[in-house]
Protein backbone atom coordinates (compact mmCIF):
# COMPACT_ATOMS: atom_id res chain seq x y z
CA UNK A 1 -120.91 79.38 -198.73
CA UNK A 2 -118.01 76.97 -199.19
CA UNK A 3 -116.93 77.03 -195.53
CA UNK A 4 -115.78 73.78 -194.02
CA UNK A 5 -117.03 73.35 -190.45
CA UNK A 6 -114.26 72.73 -187.92
CA UNK A 7 -114.55 70.84 -184.63
CA UNK A 8 -112.04 71.65 -181.89
CA UNK A 9 -111.88 70.96 -178.16
CA UNK A 10 -113.79 74.25 -177.74
CA UNK A 11 -116.69 73.16 -179.94
CA UNK A 12 -117.90 73.44 -183.51
CA UNK A 13 -116.99 76.43 -185.66
CA UNK A 14 -118.34 77.40 -189.08
CA UNK A 15 -114.84 77.88 -190.50
CA UNK A 16 -111.15 77.49 -189.71
CA UNK A 17 -110.86 81.29 -189.62
CA UNK A 18 -113.55 81.45 -186.92
CA UNK A 19 -111.83 78.70 -184.88
CA UNK A 20 -108.45 80.45 -185.17
CA UNK A 21 -109.94 83.81 -184.18
CA UNK A 22 -111.51 82.20 -181.10
CA UNK A 23 -108.07 80.96 -180.04
CA UNK A 24 -106.64 84.49 -180.45
CA UNK A 25 -109.47 85.94 -178.35
CA UNK A 26 -108.89 83.34 -175.63
CA UNK A 27 -105.22 84.42 -175.46
CA UNK A 28 -106.27 88.08 -175.15
CA UNK A 29 -108.68 87.16 -172.37
CA UNK A 30 -105.95 85.20 -170.54
CA UNK A 31 -103.68 88.27 -170.77
CA UNK A 32 -106.47 90.44 -169.33
CA UNK A 33 -106.81 92.58 -172.47
CA UNK A 34 -110.46 91.55 -172.91
CA UNK A 35 -112.99 89.96 -170.54
CA UNK A 36 -116.33 88.13 -170.50
CA UNK A 37 -115.57 86.34 -173.77
CA UNK A 38 -118.56 84.44 -175.18
CA UNK A 39 -119.45 82.57 -178.37
CA UNK A 40 -122.71 82.36 -180.31
CA UNK A 41 -124.60 85.00 -178.34
CA UNK A 42 -128.17 85.53 -179.51
CA UNK A 43 -129.80 88.96 -179.76
CA UNK A 44 -133.54 89.43 -180.30
CA UNK A 45 -134.17 91.90 -183.11
CA UNK A 46 -137.94 91.51 -183.39
CA UNK A 47 -139.70 89.69 -180.53
CA UNK A 48 -142.13 86.79 -180.87
CA UNK A 49 -145.49 88.13 -181.94
CA UNK A 50 -148.97 87.23 -180.72
CA UNK A 51 -152.48 88.23 -181.76
CA UNK A 52 -155.46 88.72 -179.47
CA UNK A 53 -158.17 86.23 -180.45
CA UNK A 54 -161.62 85.75 -178.98
CA UNK A 55 -162.49 82.18 -178.02
CA UNK A 56 -166.05 81.12 -177.30
CA UNK A 57 -166.30 79.03 -174.15
CA UNK A 58 -169.50 77.31 -172.90
CA UNK A 59 -170.63 80.27 -170.83
CA UNK A 60 -168.57 83.22 -172.01
CA UNK A 61 -166.19 84.63 -174.59
CA UNK A 62 -162.54 84.90 -173.58
CA UNK A 63 -159.72 86.81 -175.25
CA UNK A 64 -156.47 84.85 -175.52
CA UNK A 65 -153.08 85.50 -177.10
CA UNK A 66 -152.43 83.30 -180.09
CA UNK A 67 -148.90 82.84 -181.42
CA UNK A 68 -148.36 84.42 -184.87
CA UNK A 69 -144.64 84.89 -185.64
CA UNK A 70 -141.32 83.52 -184.39
CA UNK A 71 -138.79 86.10 -183.19
CA UNK A 72 -136.14 87.42 -185.55
CA UNK A 73 -132.70 86.96 -183.96
CA UNK A 74 -129.06 87.59 -184.73
CA UNK A 75 -126.40 85.21 -183.40
CA UNK A 76 -123.03 86.88 -182.91
CA UNK A 77 -119.92 84.76 -183.39
CA UNK A 78 -118.11 86.44 -180.48
CA UNK A 79 -118.96 88.92 -177.74
CA UNK A 80 -116.51 90.38 -175.22
CA UNK A 81 -115.68 93.51 -173.27
CA UNK A 82 -112.67 95.68 -174.03
CA UNK A 83 -111.88 98.97 -172.32
CA UNK A 84 -115.34 98.98 -170.73
CA UNK A 85 -117.15 98.58 -174.05
CA UNK A 86 -119.07 95.61 -175.39
CA UNK A 87 -117.65 94.31 -178.68
CA UNK A 88 -119.67 92.17 -181.10
CA UNK A 89 -117.66 90.32 -183.77
CA UNK A 90 -118.85 88.43 -186.84
CA UNK A 91 -116.47 86.43 -189.03
CA UNK A 92 -118.62 86.34 -192.15
CA UNK A 93 -116.81 85.39 -195.33
CA UNK A 94 -119.87 86.23 -197.42
CA UNK A 95 -122.46 88.82 -196.42
CA UNK A 96 -125.89 87.45 -197.25
CA UNK A 97 -128.88 89.78 -197.70
CA UNK A 98 -130.33 88.37 -194.44
CA UNK A 99 -127.12 89.17 -192.57
CA UNK A 100 -127.05 92.74 -193.93
CA UNK A 101 -130.62 93.36 -192.71
CA UNK A 102 -129.79 91.86 -189.29
CA UNK A 103 -126.64 94.00 -189.06
CA UNK A 104 -128.78 97.09 -189.67
CA UNK A 105 -131.36 95.94 -187.13
CA UNK A 106 -128.63 95.40 -184.51
CA UNK A 107 -127.64 99.05 -184.91
CA UNK A 108 -131.25 100.29 -184.97
CA UNK A 109 -132.67 98.15 -182.14
CA UNK A 110 -129.67 97.71 -179.82
CA UNK A 111 -127.38 100.57 -180.90
CA UNK A 112 -124.64 98.00 -181.57
CA UNK A 113 -122.32 98.20 -184.54
CA UNK A 114 -121.01 94.75 -185.47
CA UNK A 115 -117.27 94.44 -186.04
CA UNK A 116 -116.86 92.40 -189.24
CA UNK A 117 -113.79 90.34 -190.05
């Protein structure tokens, strides 16, 4: 989506805007205005799925769980606490259809509204 990845002493960022915003958040955390600042926090929206399958052994039949689907996750750019509330921030420049569905699932599954910049 025409973003140029940026590498700083704090790690790799998807864009210069994201790297700059991280620096602003670090200043706010140092001032005590926010706390528990984190990057790239993953939230499970739909867990890994298994299916019960019967397996024939030599002397008996056994039911086992067989993997079927990987989990669906959302990775937040930034997570922090402000005024006792958890804040989730995404610095998307372009909102893909996948992101829009995940944003809706975050609200539905976790009750979290993502702050978009």
